[in-house]
Amino acid sequence: LGPHEEKVQLYLRPFLAKEVYLSGV
């Protein structure tokens, strides 16, 4: 849920390994 202006660093490999979807609305 947003909106968000801040920048966040994510390590994406675990998301890819679990096939987890990330989206906004």
PDB file of all heavy atoms in Angstrom:
ATOM      1  N   LEU A   1       0.850  -1.182   0.000  1.00  0.00           N
ATOM      2  CA  LEU A   1       0.000   0.000   0.000  1.00  0.00           C
ATOM      3  C   LEU A   1       0.887   1.233   0.000  1.00  0.00           C
ATOM      4  O   LEU A   1       1.931   1.256   0.634  1.00  0.00           O
ATOM      5  CB  LEU A   1      -0.914   0.011   1.221  1.00  0.00           C
ATOM      6  CG  LEU A   1      -1.917  -1.142   1.342  1.00  0.00           C
ATOM      7  CD1 LEU A   1      -2.683  -1.021   2.649  1.00  0.00           C
ATOM      8  CD2 LEU A   1      -2.876  -1.167   0.166  1.00  0.00           C
ATOM      9  N   GLY A   2       0.483   2.275  -0.655  1.00  0.00           N
ATOM     10  CA  GLY A   2       1.311   3.464  -0.779  1.00  0.00           C
ATOM     11  C   GLY A   2       0.494   4.731  -0.581  1.00  0.00           C
ATOM     12  O   GLY A   2      -0.613   4.687  -0.060  1.00  0.00           O
ATOM     13  N   PRO A   3       1.026   5.871  -1.090  1.00  0.00           N
ATOM     14  CA  PRO A   3       2.278   5.965  -1.859  1.00  0.00           C
ATOM     15  C   PRO A   3       3.512   6.067  -0.958  1.00  0.00           C
ATOM     16  O   PRO A   3       3.404   6.409   0.217  1.00  0.00           O
ATOM     17  CB  PRO A   3       2.087   7.276  -2.620  1.00  0.00           C
ATOM     18  CG  PRO A   3       1.244   8.108  -1.708  1.00  0.00           C
ATOM     19  CD  PRO A   3       0.322   7.158  -0.999  1.00  0.00           C
ATOM     20  N   HIS A   4       4.669   5.760  -1.544  1.00  0.00           N
ATOM     21  CA  HIS A   4       5.928   5.835  -0.812  1.00  0.00           C
ATOM     22  C   HIS A   4       6.963   6.558  -1.672  1.00  0.00           C
ATOM     23  O   HIS A   4       7.095   6.276  -2.858  1.00  0.00           O
ATOM     24  CB  HIS A   4       6.455   4.435  -0.471  1.00  0.00           C
ATOM     25  CG  HIS A   4       5.556   3.687   0.463  1.00  0.00           C
ATOM     26  ND1 HIS A   4       5.539   3.922   1.818  1.00  0.00           N
ATOM     27  CD2 HIS A   4       4.635   2.728   0.232  1.00  0.00           C
ATOM     28  CE1 HIS A   4       4.646   3.130   2.387  1.00  0.00           C
ATOM     29  NE2 HIS A   4       4.087   2.393   1.451  1.00  0.00           N
ATOM     30  N   GLU A   5       7.665   7.468  -1.058  1.00  0.00           N
ATOM     31  CA  GLU A   5       8.697   8.223  -1.773  1.00  0.00           C
ATOM     32  C   GLU A   5      10.100   7.714  -1.474  1.00  0.00           C
ATOM     33  O   GLU A   5      11.030   7.936  -2.237  1.00  0.00           O
ATOM     34  CB  GLU A   5       8.616   9.718  -1.398  1.00  0.00           C
ATOM     35  CG  GLU A   5       7.282  10.376  -1.723  1.00  0.00           C
ATOM     36  CD  GLU A   5       6.982  10.402  -3.208  1.00  0.00           C
ATOM     37  OE1 GLU A   5       7.945  10.396  -4.015  1.00  0.00           O
ATOM     38  OE2 GLU A   5       5.793  10.421  -3.567  1.00  0.00           O
ATOM     39  N   GLU A   6      10.246   7.015  -0.338  1.00  0.00           N
ATOM     40  CA  GLU A   6      11.583   6.599   0.074  1.00  0.00           C
ATOM     41  C   GLU A   6      12.115   5.476  -0.813  1.00  0.00           C
ATOM     42  O   GLU A   6      11.353   4.704  -1.389  1.00  0.00           O
ATOM     43  CB  GLU A   6      11.603   6.155   1.544  1.00  0.00           C
ATOM     44  CG  GLU A   6      10.771   4.929   1.846  1.00  0.00           C
ATOM     45  CD  GLU A   6       9.352   5.241   2.262  1.00  0.00           C
ATOM     46  OE1 GLU A   6       8.806   6.254   1.776  1.00  0.00           O
ATOM     47  OE2 GLU A   6       8.805   4.469   3.044  1.00  0.00           O
ATOM     48  N   LYS A   7      13.425   5.416  -0.911  1.00  0.00           N
ATOM     49  CA  LYS A   7      14.078   4.355  -1.666  1.00  0.00           C
ATOM     50  C   LYS A   7      14.438   3.215  -0.714  1.00  0.00           C
ATOM     51  O   LYS A   7      14.939   3.441   0.374  1.00  0.00           O
ATOM     52  CB  LYS A   7      15.341   4.892  -2.353  1.00  0.00           C
ATOM     53  CG  LYS A   7      15.057   5.925  -3.432  1.00  0.00           C
ATOM     54  CD  LYS A   7      16.341   6.396  -4.084  1.00  0.00           C
ATOM     55  CE  LYS A   7      16.058   7.428  -5.165  1.00  0.00           C
ATOM     56  NZ  LYS A   7      17.314   7.908  -5.803  1.00  0.00           N
ATOM     57  N   VAL A   8      14.170   1.991  -1.145  1.00  0.00           N
ATOM     58  CA  VAL A   8      14.456   0.816  -0.339  1.00  0.00           C
ATOM     59  C   VAL A   8      15.281  -0.146  -1.175  1.00  0.00           C
ATOM     60  O   VAL A   8      14.965  -0.411  -2.337  1.00  0.00           O
ATOM     61  CB  VAL A   8      13.155   0.122   0.123  1.00  0.00           C
ATOM     62  CG1 VAL A   8      13.475  -1.160   0.871  1.00  0.00           C
ATOM     63  CG2 VAL A   8      12.346   1.052   0.998  1.00  0.00           C
ATOM     64  N   GLN A   9      16.336  -0.655  -0.569  1.00  0.00           N
ATOM     65  CA  GLN A   9      17.184  -1.620  -1.259  1.00  0.00           C
ATOM     66  C   GLN A   9      16.697  -3.030  -0.958  1.00  0.00           C
ATOM     67  O   GLN A   9      16.497  -3.407   0.198  1.00  0.00           O
ATOM     68  CB  GLN A   9      18.640  -1.463  -0.792  1.00  0.00           C
ATOM     69  CG  GLN A   9      19.626  -1.630  -1.918  1.00  0.00           C
ATOM     70  CD  GLN A   9      21.041  -1.260  -1.484  1.00  0.00           C
ATOM     71  OE1 GLN A   9      21.353  -1.184  -0.301  1.00  0.00           O
ATOM     72  NE2 GLN A   9      21.903  -1.040  -2.446  1.00  0.00           N
ATOM     73  N   LEU A  10      16.459  -3.812  -2.003  1.00  0.00           N
ATOM     74  CA  LEU A  10      15.994  -5.183  -1.834  1.00  0.00           C
ATOM     75  C   LEU A  10      16.972  -6.151  -2.484  1.00  0.00           C
ATOM     76  O   LEU A  10      17.466  -5.906  -3.590  1.00  0.00           O
ATOM     77  CB  LEU A  10      14.619  -5.380  -2.482  1.00  0.00           C
ATOM     78  CG  LEU A  10      13.391  -4.789  -1.783  1.00  0.00           C
ATOM     79  CD1 LEU A  10      12.145  -5.053  -2.611  1.00  0.00           C
ATOM     80  CD2 LEU A  10      13.230  -5.359  -0.380  1.00  0.00           C
ATOM     81  N   TYR A  11      17.220  -7.243  -1.788  1.00  0.00           N
ATOM     82  CA  TYR A  11      17.987  -8.338  -2.368  1.00  0.00           C
ATOM     83  C   TYR A  11      16.966  -9.263  -3.021  1.00  0.00           C
ATOM     84  O   TYR A  11      16.180  -9.931  -2.347  1.00  0.00           O
ATOM     85  CB  TYR A  11      18.776  -9.051  -1.274  1.00  0.00           C
ATOM     86  CG  TYR A  11      19.590 -10.215  -1.751  1.00  0.00           C
ATOM     87  CD1 TYR A  11      20.391 -10.127  -2.895  1.00  0.00           C
ATOM     88  CD2 TYR A  11      19.577 -11.425  -1.054  1.00  0.00           C
ATOM     89  CE1 TYR A  11      21.138 -11.197  -3.335  1.00  0.00           C
ATOM     90  CE2 TYR A  11      20.327 -12.505  -1.476  1.00  0.00           C
ATOM     91  CZ  TYR A  11      21.100 -12.381  -2.629  1.00  0.00           C
ATOM     92  OH  TYR A  11      21.838 -13.448  -3.074  1.00  0.00           O
ATOM     93  N   LEU A  12      16.933  -9.304  -4.334  1.00  0.00           N
ATOM     94  CA  LEU A  12      15.845  -9.936  -5.063  1.00  0.00           C
ATOM     95  C   LEU A  12      15.964 -11.446  -5.213  1.00  0.00           C
ATOM     96  O   LEU A  12      14.975 -12.122  -5.477  1.00  0.00           O
ATOM     97  CB  LEU A  12      15.719  -9.308  -6.453  1.00  0.00           C
ATOM     98  CG  LEU A  12      15.255  -7.853  -6.481  1.00  0.00           C
ATOM     99  CD1 LEU A  12      15.231  -7.334  -7.909  1.00  0.00           C
ATOM    100  CD2 LEU A  12      13.871  -7.707  -5.848  1.00  0.00           C
ATOM    101  N   ARG A  13      17.163 -11.998  -5.045  1.00  0.00           N
ATOM    102  CA  ARG A  13      17.320 -13.424  -5.297  1.00  0.00           C
ATOM    103  C   ARG A  13      16.361 -14.286  -4.476  1.00  0.00           C
ATOM    104  O   ARG A  13      15.779 -15.244  -5.006  1.00  0.00           O
ATOM    105  CB  ARG A  13      18.771 -13.842  -5.053  1.00  0.00           C
ATOM    106  CG  ARG A  13      19.027 -15.293  -5.450  1.00  0.00           C
ATOM    107  CD  ARG A  13      20.497 -15.583  -5.548  1.00  0.00           C
ATOM    108  NE  ARG A  13      20.733 -16.940  -6.036  1.00  0.00           N
ATOM    109  CZ  ARG A  13      21.919 -17.410  -6.366  1.00  0.00           C
ATOM    110  NH1 ARG A  13      22.979 -16.644  -6.278  1.00  0.00           N
ATOM    111  NH2 ARG A  13      22.049 -18.653  -6.790  1.00  0.00           N
ATOM    112  N   PRO A  14      16.140 -13.999  -3.163  1.00  0.00           N
ATOM    113  CA  PRO A  14      15.183 -14.812  -2.400  1.00  0.00           C
ATOM    114  C   PRO A  14      13.754 -14.717  -2.952  1.00  0.00           C
ATOM    115  O   PRO A  14      13.006 -15.697  -2.903  1.00  0.00           O
ATOM    116  CB  PRO A  14      15.276 -14.228  -0.982  1.00  0.00           C
ATOM    117  CG  PRO A  14      16.628 -13.592  -0.928  1.00  0.00           C
ATOM    118  CD  PRO A  14      16.851 -13.049  -2.301  1.00  0.00           C
ATOM    119  N   PHE A  15      13.375 -13.537  -3.465  1.00  0.00           N
ATOM    120  CA  PHE A  15      12.048 -13.393  -4.070  1.00  0.00           C
ATOM    121  C   PHE A  15      11.929 -14.289  -5.299  1.00  0.00           C
ATOM    122  O   PHE A  15      10.908 -14.944  -5.520  1.00  0.00           O
ATOM    123  CB  PHE A  15      11.791 -11.932  -4.457  1.00  0.00           C
ATOM    124  CG  PHE A  15      11.505 -11.029  -3.301  1.00  0.00           C
ATOM    125  CD1 PHE A  15      12.544 -10.443  -2.578  1.00  0.00           C
ATOM    126  CD2 PHE A  15      10.201 -10.747  -2.914  1.00  0.00           C
ATOM    127  CE1 PHE A  15      12.286  -9.612  -1.507  1.00  0.00           C
ATOM    128  CE2 PHE A  15       9.931  -9.912  -1.841  1.00  0.00           C
ATOM    129  CZ  PHE A  15      10.978  -9.342  -1.132  1.00  0.00           C
ATOM    130  N   LEU A  16      12.993 -14.297  -6.106  1.00  0.00           N
ATOM    131  CA  LEU A  16      12.990 -15.116  -7.316  1.00  0.00           C
ATOM    132  C   LEU A  16      12.957 -16.599  -6.960  1.00  0.00           C
ATOM    133  O   LEU A  16      12.258 -17.392  -7.604  1.00  0.00           O
ATOM    134  CB  LEU A  16      14.218 -14.802  -8.169  1.00  0.00           C
ATOM    135  CG  LEU A  16      14.392 -13.343  -8.603  1.00  0.00           C
ATOM    136  CD1 LEU A  16      15.675 -13.177  -9.384  1.00  0.00           C
ATOM    137  CD2 LEU A  16      13.204 -12.878  -9.419  1.00  0.00           C
ATOM    138  N   ALA A  17      13.719 -16.985  -5.945  1.00  0.00           N
ATOM    139  CA  ALA A  17      13.785 -18.395  -5.562  1.00  0.00           C
ATOM    140  C   ALA A  17      12.428 -18.911  -5.082  1.00  0.00           C
ATOM    141  O   ALA A  17      12.053 -20.058  -5.353  1.00  0.00           O
ATOM    142  CB  ALA A  17      14.832 -18.590  -4.474  1.00  0.00           C
ATOM    143  N   LYS A  18      11.678 -18.057  -4.374  1.00  0.00           N
ATOM    144  CA  LYS A  18      10.362 -18.453  -3.875  1.00  0.00           C
ATOM    145  C   LYS A  18       9.240 -18.158  -4.866  1.00  0.00           C
ATOM    146  O   LYS A  18       8.084 -18.494  -4.609  1.00  0.00           O
ATOM    147  CB  LYS A  18      10.061 -17.722  -2.556  1.00  0.00           C
ATOM    148  CG  LYS A  18      10.528 -18.442  -1.313  1.00  0.00           C
ATOM    149  CD  LYS A  18       9.903 -17.800  -0.080  1.00  0.00           C
ATOM    150  CE  LYS A  18      10.075 -18.702   1.130  1.00  0.00           C
ATOM    151  NZ  LYS A  18       9.425 -18.129   2.335  1.00  0.00           N
ATOM    152  N   GLU A  19       9.589 -17.492  -5.963  1.00  0.00           N
ATOM    153  CA  GLU A  19       8.593 -17.075  -6.958  1.00  0.00           C
ATOM    154  C   GLU A  19       7.496 -16.236  -6.316  1.00  0.00           C
ATOM    155  O   GLU A  19       6.299 -16.396  -6.573  1.00  0.00           O
ATOM    156  CB  GLU A  19       7.989 -18.277  -7.673  1.00  0.00           C
ATOM    157  CG  GLU A  19       9.010 -19.056  -8.503  1.00  0.00           C
ATOM    158  CD  GLU A  19       8.376 -20.207  -9.265  1.00  0.00           C
ATOM    159  OE1 GLU A  19       7.383 -20.796  -8.781  1.00  0.00           O
ATOM    160  OE2 GLU A  19       8.877 -20.514 -10.363  1.00  0.00           O
ATOM    161  N   VAL A  20       7.910 -15.317  -5.436  1.00  0.00           N
ATOM    162  CA  VAL A  20       6.974 -14.424  -4.769  1.00  0.00           C
ATOM    163  C   VAL A  20       6.769 -13.174  -5.617  1.00  0.00           C
ATOM    164  O   VAL A  20       7.731 -12.561  -6.072  1.00  0.00           O
ATOM    165  CB  VAL A  20       7.485 -14.046  -3.358  1.00  0.00           C
ATOM    166  CG1 VAL A  20       6.657 -12.911  -2.767  1.00  0.00           C
ATOM    167  CG2 VAL A  20       7.428 -15.265  -2.448  1.00  0.00           C
ATOM    168  N   TYR A  21       5.509 -12.807  -5.822  1.00  0.00           N
ATOM    169  CA  TYR A  21       5.156 -11.636  -6.618  1.00  0.00           C
ATOM    170  C   TYR A  21       5.070 -10.416  -5.711  1.00  0.00           C
ATOM    171  O   TYR A  21       4.504 -10.483  -4.620  1.00  0.00           O
ATOM    172  CB  TYR A  21       3.810 -11.846  -7.306  1.00  0.00           C
ATOM    173  CG  TYR A  21       3.795 -12.960  -8.315  1.00  0.00           C
ATOM    174  CD1 TYR A  21       3.633 -14.292  -7.897  1.00  0.00           C
ATOM    175  CD2 TYR A  21       3.930 -12.714  -9.675  1.00  0.00           C
ATOM    176  CE1 TYR A  21       3.616 -15.323  -8.811  1.00  0.00           C
ATOM    177  CE2 TYR A  21       3.906 -13.745 -10.595  1.00  0.00           C
ATOM    178  CZ  TYR A  21       3.750 -15.051 -10.163  1.00  0.00           C
ATOM    179  OH  TYR A  21       3.732 -16.074 -11.071  1.00  0.00           O
ATOM    180  N   LEU A  22       5.601  -9.316  -6.181  1.00  0.00           N
ATOM    181  CA  LEU A  22       5.532  -8.046  -5.453  1.00  0.00           C
ATOM    182  C   LEU A  22       4.883  -7.006  -6.348  1.00  0.00           C
ATOM    183  O   LEU A  22       5.314  -6.791  -7.481  1.00  0.00           O
ATOM    184  CB  LEU A  22       6.936  -7.583  -5.042  1.00  0.00           C
ATOM    185  CG  LEU A  22       7.052  -6.188  -4.429  1.00  0.00           C
ATOM    186  CD1 LEU A  22       6.255  -6.092  -3.138  1.00  0.00           C
ATOM    187  CD2 LEU A  22       8.524  -5.833  -4.182  1.00  0.00           C
ATOM    188  N   SER A  23       3.828  -6.376  -5.856  1.00  0.00           N
ATOM    189  CA  SER A  23       3.149  -5.359  -6.664  1.00  0.00           C
ATOM    190  C   SER A  23       2.550  -4.307  -5.747  1.00  0.00           C
ATOM    191  O   SER A  23       2.499  -4.453  -4.524  1.00  0.00           O
ATOM    192  CB  SER A  23       2.052  -5.989  -7.531  1.00  0.00           C
ATOM    193  OG  SER A  23       0.999  -6.476  -6.727  1.00  0.00           O
ATOM    194  N   GLY A  24       2.073  -3.238  -6.357  1.00  0.00           N
ATOM    195  CA  GLY A  24       1.346  -2.197  -5.640  1.00  0.00           C
ATOM    196  C   GLY A  24      -0.119  -2.270  -5.999  1.00  0.00           C
ATOM    197  O   GLY A  24      -0.570  -3.188  -6.679  1.00  0.00           O
ATOM    198  N   VAL A  25      -0.888  -1.292  -5.532  1.00  0.00           N
ATOM    199  CA  VAL A  25      -2.300  -1.181  -5.902  1.00  0.00           C
ATOM    200  C   VAL A  25      -2.585   0.280  -6.181  1.00  0.00           C
ATOM    201  O   VAL A  25      -2.177   1.163  -5.421  1.00  0.00           O
ATOM    202  CB  VAL A  25      -3.217  -1.736  -4.792  1.00  0.00           C
ATOM    203  CG1 VAL A  25      -2.967  -1.035  -3.459  1.00  0.00           C
ATOM    204  CG2 VAL A  25      -4.684  -1.622  -5.193  1.00  0.00           C
TER     205      VAL A  25
END
